Amino acid sequence: MFLEPAFIHKLWGGDKLKNEFGYNIINDDKVGECWGVSAHPHGKSVVKNGILKGMDLGTLWDKHPEIFGYPKEDRFPLLVKLIDAKQDLSIQVHPDDEYAKANEEGSLGKCECWYVLQCDKNATIYLGHNASTKEQMQEMIKNCEWDKFLKEVPIKEGDFIQIEPGTLHSIKKGTVLLEIQQNSDITYRVYDFDRKINGKARKLHIKQCMDVLNVPSKDPEDFIIHAADLPDNQVNCLYSCRYYTIYKIEVRDRMTLATDAPYLIMSVITGFGKINGYDVKQGDHMIIPNGVNELELEGNFDVITTRI
């Protein structure tokens, strides 16, 4: 079941999603995000093929639970997106489920992970901070001591990075990545490089950041897995937590994938080929419905696969 993405304009976005992934984006050179698998009200993806063509994913979840194995969740639980950062994103943090439910009108929290598709030579991200106590963190933020406060970490193409709620982070310019996250659109900004829109500074969320930031911060290396070149034609598990399990599959010629998952989410990140006879290419996002217990993959492509 192929999905048509929703595209999200961002101050920091670029044109790589159009020019390098071939998406049909018209008259917008600052598309920062492609929401490839989304049932969130801020941008819903839509079924592209079959008898349910034209139905958005949220409606599909509500009206056809059989496709997802009759799930217990009250909403589609995840959001899969591509991010093109032409400029640095804000320094930000996301809340957990408990905080979001109490303070964001019942929203889910935001646990997320990244798979780096492209980045500049000697690229870095911000991941974590150097404050030892909450009081020290407050002083550093109050005094704008960003060089002392922020941890800057090198990355390269093929890195997988887990971002727990409460973790300070930012994607830096020149980076394109696939993000898999909870179905949430909550971001708390602690710093935004003093950027303005129409002469007005973007809103910061200092109180919320203070509420949810983890102190002290964990070692960034605990969150990064180098996953550029993994064994071909096998399922390589990158990470598993209560919200998702993430796999990378590098298809070279042909392989068979057996699964007992109620449903799978798949995003093709490079190349092209076929899955059960359907043509697939870089940038395709799809749902493998409940009851499809075996997949035949052939061609030369890499796919990130997610299950609940």
Protein backbone atom coordinates (compact mmCIF):
# COMPACT_ATOMS: atom_id res chain seq x y z
CA MET A 1 0.00 0.00 0.00
CA PHE A 2 1.93 3.03 -1.31
CA LEU A 3 1.48 6.42 0.36
CA GLU A 4 1.56 9.93 -1.12
CA PRO A 5 3.52 12.16 1.28
CA ALA A 6 2.58 15.50 2.78
CA PHE A 7 5.22 18.21 2.33
CA ILE A 8 6.00 20.73 5.05
CA HIS A 9 7.51 24.17 4.36
CA LYS A 10 10.26 25.12 6.82
CA LEU A 11 12.41 28.20 7.31
CA TRP A 12 15.49 25.98 7.22
CA GLY A 13 14.35 23.71 4.34
CA GLY A 14 15.88 23.26 0.90
CA ASP A 15 15.18 21.74 -2.51
CA LYS A 16 16.81 18.31 -2.27
CA LEU A 17 13.50 16.49 -1.70
CA LYS A 18 12.37 17.77 -5.08
CA ASN A 19 15.62 17.61 -7.03
CA GLU A 20 17.18 14.44 -5.63
CA PHE A 21 14.17 12.36 -4.52
CA GLY A 22 11.91 13.36 -7.42
CA TYR A 23 8.90 14.43 -5.38
CA ASN A 24 6.33 16.57 -7.17
CA ILE A 25 6.86 19.79 -5.24
CA ILE A 26 5.69 22.96 -6.99
CA ASN A 27 6.76 26.55 -6.31
CA ASP A 28 8.52 25.93 -2.99
CA ASP A 29 12.29 25.80 -2.53
CA LYS A 30 12.13 25.50 1.27
CA VAL A 31 10.44 22.16 1.81
CA GLY A 32 12.12 20.91 4.95
CA GLU A 33 10.10 17.76 5.56
CA CYS A 34 8.41 15.02 3.59
CA TRP A 35 5.91 13.24 5.86
CA GLY A 36 5.95 9.93 4.05
CA VAL A 37 3.92 7.90 6.54
CA SER A 38 1.74 10.20 8.61
CA ALA A 39 -1.70 10.27 10.16
CA HIS A 40 -1.01 13.48 12.07
CA PRO A 41 -3.52 16.32 11.56
CA HIS A 42 -0.71 18.70 10.55
CA GLY A 43 0.06 16.58 7.47
CA LYS A 44 -1.56 13.31 6.45
CA SER A 45 -0.22 10.93 3.83
CA VAL A 46 -2.73 9.42 1.39
CA VAL A 47 -3.07 5.96 -0.15
CA LYS A 48 -1.84 6.01 -3.78
CA ASN A 49 -3.04 2.65 -5.08
CA GLY A 50 -5.72 -0.03 -4.80
CA ILE A 51 -9.38 0.17 -3.86
CA LEU A 52 -8.64 2.55 -0.96
CA LYS A 53 -6.79 5.04 -3.15
CA GLY A 54 -7.33 8.61 -1.94
CA MET A 55 -7.99 7.72 1.71
CA ASP A 56 -5.71 9.40 4.23
CA LEU A 57 -3.81 7.25 6.71
CA GLY A 58 -5.74 8.48 9.74
CA THR A 59 -9.06 7.54 8.20
CA LEU A 60 -7.62 4.22 7.05
CA TRP A 61 -6.54 3.48 10.64
CA ASP A 62 -10.02 4.25 11.97
CA LYS A 63 -12.14 2.57 9.29
CA HIS A 64 -10.00 -0.44 8.36
CA PRO A 65 -8.32 -1.78 11.52
CA GLU A 66 -8.01 -5.19 9.83
CA ILE A 67 -5.19 -3.77 7.68
CA PHE A 68 -3.17 -3.20 10.87
CA GLY A 69 -4.10 -6.40 12.71
CA TYR A 70 -6.81 -4.76 14.85
CA PRO A 71 -4.46 -2.56 16.89
CA LYS A 72 -5.08 -1.36 20.45
CA GLU A 73 -3.71 2.16 19.97
CA ASP A 74 -6.24 4.99 19.55
CA ARG A 75 -4.24 6.52 16.66
CA PHE A 76 -1.61 5.49 14.15
CA PRO A 77 1.41 5.44 16.47
CA LEU A 78 4.30 6.60 14.27
CA LEU A 79 5.35 9.26 11.78
CA VAL A 80 8.04 8.66 9.15
CA LYS A 81 9.60 11.65 7.47
CA LEU A 82 12.52 12.79 5.33
CA ILE A 83 14.29 15.96 6.48
CA ASP A 84 16.35 18.29 4.26
CA ALA A 85 18.27 20.76 6.42
CA LYS A 86 19.64 23.56 4.24
CA GLN A 87 20.19 25.56 7.42
CA ASP A 88 20.69 24.48 11.02
CA LEU A 89 17.52 23.51 12.87
CA SER A 90 16.79 25.07 16.25
CA ILE A 91 18.35 23.65 19.42
CA GLN A 92 15.39 21.68 20.73
CA VAL A 93 14.01 18.94 22.94
CA HIS A 94 10.88 16.80 22.95
CA PRO A 95 8.71 15.68 25.89
CA ASP A 96 7.80 12.15 26.92
CA ASP A 97 4.25 10.76 26.86
CA GLU A 98 3.44 11.74 30.43
CA TYR A 99 4.44 15.40 30.03
CA ALA A 100 2.79 15.71 26.60
CA LYS A 101 -0.47 14.20 27.78
CA ALA A 102 -0.65 16.61 30.72
CA ASN A 103 0.52 19.75 28.92
CA GLU A 104 -0.21 19.34 25.20
CA GLU A 105 -3.91 18.46 25.03
CA GLY A 106 -3.40 14.72 25.22
CA SER A 107 -0.72 14.50 22.54
CA LEU A 108 1.79 11.68 22.43
CA GLY A 109 5.36 12.44 23.42
CA LYS A 110 8.14 12.31 20.88
CA CYS A 111 10.74 9.57 20.89
CA GLU A 112 12.53 9.58 17.54
CA CYS A 113 15.47 8.21 15.59
CA TRP A 114 17.45 9.30 12.54
CA TYR A 115 19.17 7.49 9.69
CA VAL A 116 21.64 9.82 7.95
CA LEU A 117 21.24 9.68 4.16
CA GLN A 118 23.48 12.58 3.16
CA CYS A 119 25.74 14.97 5.00
CA ASP A 120 28.65 17.28 4.29
CA LYS A 121 32.23 16.24 4.88
CA ASN A 122 33.13 16.66 8.56
CA ALA A 123 29.43 17.09 9.37
CA THR A 124 28.23 17.36 12.95
CA ILE A 125 25.00 17.49 14.93
CA TYR A 126 24.20 18.83 18.37
CA LEU A 127 23.37 15.97 20.72
CA GLY A 128 23.22 16.45 24.47
CA HIS A 129 24.75 19.14 26.69
CA ASN A 130 27.54 19.73 29.18
CA ALA A 131 25.61 20.92 32.25
CA SER A 132 26.02 18.78 35.36
CA THR A 133 23.01 20.16 37.25
CA LYS A 134 19.74 21.90 36.47
CA GLU A 135 21.07 25.08 38.10
CA GLN A 136 24.16 25.05 35.87
CA MET A 137 21.96 24.44 32.84
CA GLN A 138 19.75 27.41 33.72
CA GLU A 139 22.79 29.67 34.08
CA MET A 140 24.30 28.57 30.77
CA ILE A 141 21.03 29.15 28.93
CA LYS A 142 20.37 32.47 30.67
CA ASN A 143 23.87 33.71 29.75
CA CYS A 144 23.69 32.30 26.18
CA GLU A 145 26.83 30.23 26.73
CA TRP A 146 26.01 27.98 23.80
CA ASP A 147 29.59 26.95 23.00
CA LYS A 148 30.04 25.71 26.57
CA PHE A 149 26.56 24.24 26.88
CA LEU A 150 26.08 22.24 23.66
CA LYS A 151 27.72 18.96 22.73
CA GLU A 152 28.69 18.82 19.06
CA VAL A 153 29.11 15.31 17.65
CA PRO A 154 30.56 14.18 14.28
CA ILE A 155 28.31 12.15 11.96
CA LYS A 156 28.66 10.48 8.60
CA GLU A 157 26.34 8.91 6.04
CA GLY A 158 24.84 5.67 7.29
CA ASP A 159 24.78 6.63 10.95
CA PHE A 160 21.71 5.67 12.98
CA ILE A 161 20.94 7.94 15.95
CA GLN A 162 18.36 7.33 18.68
CA ILE A 163 16.90 10.50 20.26
CA GLU A 164 15.17 9.83 23.58
CA PRO A 165 12.63 12.32 24.97
CA GLY A 166 14.46 14.88 27.07
CA THR A 167 17.58 14.81 24.86
CA LEU A 168 18.81 18.17 23.55
CA HIS A 169 19.49 17.96 19.81
CA SER A 170 19.69 19.72 16.46
CA ILE A 171 20.29 18.72 12.85
CA LYS A 172 22.85 20.95 11.16
CA LYS A 173 22.87 22.31 7.62
CA GLY A 174 23.80 20.06 4.71
CA THR A 175 22.17 16.98 6.25
CA VAL A 176 19.39 14.84 4.78
CA LEU A 177 17.99 12.08 6.93
CA LEU A 178 15.11 9.70 7.46
CA GLU A 179 13.35 10.22 10.78
CA ILE A 180 11.05 7.74 12.49
CA GLN A 181 9.18 9.09 15.49
CA GLN A 182 6.06 8.87 17.57
CA ASN A 183 2.98 10.43 16.00
CA SER A 184 3.58 13.86 17.53
CA ASP A 185 4.46 17.36 16.34
CA ILE A 186 5.70 18.85 19.62
CA THR A 187 9.04 20.66 19.63
CA TYR A 188 10.39 22.85 22.42
CA ARG A 189 13.05 25.33 21.25
CA VAL A 190 15.72 26.46 23.67
CA TYR A 191 17.70 28.48 21.06
CA ASP A 192 17.17 29.40 17.41
CA PHE A 193 20.28 31.41 16.46
CA ASP A 194 18.25 34.64 16.79
CA ARG A 195 16.46 33.98 13.49
CA LYS A 196 13.37 35.98 12.62
CA ILE A 197 10.29 35.50 10.44
CA ASN A 198 8.75 38.71 9.10
CA GLY A 199 10.84 40.66 11.57
CA LYS A 200 9.75 38.63 14.60
CA ALA A 201 11.92 36.16 16.51
CA ARG A 202 10.69 32.58 16.48
CA LYS A 203 9.04 31.48 19.69
CA LEU A 204 11.20 29.79 22.32
CA HIS A 205 9.93 27.42 25.01
CA ILE A 206 12.37 27.93 27.90
CA LYS A 207 10.03 26.79 30.68
CA GLN A 208 9.06 23.59 28.86
CA CYS A 209 12.71 22.90 28.03
CA MET A 210 13.66 23.27 31.67
CA ASP A 211 10.84 20.91 32.61
CA VAL A 212 11.79 18.09 30.25
CA LEU A 213 15.55 18.27 29.59
CA ASN A 214 17.56 15.37 30.98
CA VAL A 215 20.29 16.47 33.38
CA PRO A 216 23.01 15.33 33.26
CA SER A 217 23.04 14.41 29.59
CA LYS A 218 24.03 10.92 28.46
CA ASP A 219 27.15 10.27 26.40
CA PRO A 220 26.19 10.92 22.73
CA GLU A 221 28.09 7.81 21.65
CA ASP A 222 25.49 5.75 23.50
CA PHE A 223 22.93 6.86 20.90
CA ILE A 224 24.86 6.36 17.64
CA ILE A 225 25.19 3.16 15.60
CA HIS A 226 27.35 3.11 12.48
CA ALA A 227 25.20 1.25 9.93
CA ALA A 228 26.46 2.26 6.48
CA ASP A 229 27.60 -1.13 5.18
CA LEU A 230 25.72 -4.05 6.66
CA PRO A 231 25.46 -7.62 5.34
CA ASP A 232 23.46 -7.87 2.11
CA ASN A 233 20.15 -9.69 1.79
CA GLN A 234 19.40 -10.03 5.46
CA VAL A 235 17.39 -8.20 8.09
CA ASN A 236 19.73 -6.03 10.18
CA CYS A 237 18.15 -4.78 13.40
CA LEU A 238 19.33 -1.25 14.20
CA TYR A 239 17.35 -0.51 17.34
CA SER A 240 14.36 -1.64 19.36
CA CYS A 241 12.42 0.18 22.08
CA ARG A 242 8.86 0.28 23.39
CA TYR A 243 7.75 2.49 20.48
CA TYR A 244 9.36 0.83 17.45
CA THR A 245 11.85 -1.66 16.10
CA ILE A 246 13.97 -0.44 13.19
CA TYR A 247 15.63 -2.65 10.56
CA LYS A 248 17.83 -1.92 7.59
CA ILE A 249 17.76 -4.27 4.60
CA GLU A 250 20.30 -3.95 1.78
CA VAL A 251 18.80 -5.86 -1.15
CA ARG A 252 21.31 -7.08 -3.72
CA ASP A 253 19.72 -9.25 -6.42
CA ARG A 254 17.06 -11.19 -4.51
CA MET A 255 15.94 -12.19 -1.01
CA THR A 256 12.87 -13.42 0.86
CA LEU A 257 11.62 -11.76 4.02
CA ALA A 258 9.28 -13.62 6.38
CA THR A 259 7.43 -11.61 9.00
CA ASP A 260 4.89 -12.16 11.75
CA ALA A 261 4.37 -8.42 12.39
CA PRO A 262 0.78 -7.15 12.33
CA TYR A 263 1.96 -4.66 9.70
CA LEU A 264 5.21 -3.14 8.47
CA ILE A 265 6.26 0.36 7.44
CA MET A 266 8.86 0.48 4.67
CA SER A 267 10.81 3.43 3.21
CA VAL A 268 13.16 2.97 0.25
CA ILE A 269 16.23 5.12 0.88
CA THR A 270 18.38 4.24 -2.16
CA GLY A 271 18.08 2.44 -5.50
CA PHE A 272 15.16 0.63 -7.08
CA GLY A 273 13.70 -2.84 -7.50
CA LYS A 274 10.55 -4.81 -6.71
CA ILE A 275 8.70 -5.94 -3.58
CA ASN A 276 6.25 -8.77 -4.26
CA GLY A 277 6.22 -7.71 -7.90
CA TYR A 278 5.52 -4.01 -7.23
CA ASP A 279 8.08 -1.54 -8.56
CA VAL A 280 9.77 0.48 -5.80
CA LYS A 281 12.33 3.27 -5.89
CA GLN A 282 14.13 5.75 -3.67
CA GLY A 283 11.62 7.91 -1.82
CA ASP A 284 8.75 5.40 -1.81
CA HIS A 285 6.93 4.89 1.47
CA MET A 286 4.51 2.01 2.02
CA ILE A 287 2.50 -0.07 4.45
CA ILE A 288 2.73 -3.86 4.26
CA PRO A 289 -0.73 -4.91 5.54
CA ASN A 290 -1.58 -7.56 8.07
CA GLY A 291 -1.66 -11.04 6.60
CA VAL A 292 1.25 -10.55 4.20
CA ASN A 293 3.64 -12.95 5.88
CA GLU A 294 6.31 -13.21 3.18
CA LEU A 295 7.94 -10.63 0.92
CA GLU A 296 10.03 -11.23 -2.18
CA LEU A 297 12.53 -8.41 -2.65
CA GLU A 298 14.59 -8.11 -5.79
CA GLY A 299 16.81 -5.43 -7.29
CA ASN A 300 19.44 -3.14 -5.88
CA PHE A 301 18.03 -0.97 -3.12
CA ASP A 302 18.16 -0.24 0.59
CA VAL A 303 15.05 -0.06 2.73
CA ILE A 304 14.39 1.00 6.30
CA THR A 305 11.66 -1.15 7.78
CA THR A 306 9.74 -0.39 10.97
CA ARG A 307 7.42 -2.49 13.08
CA ILE A 308 5.59 -1.77 16.29
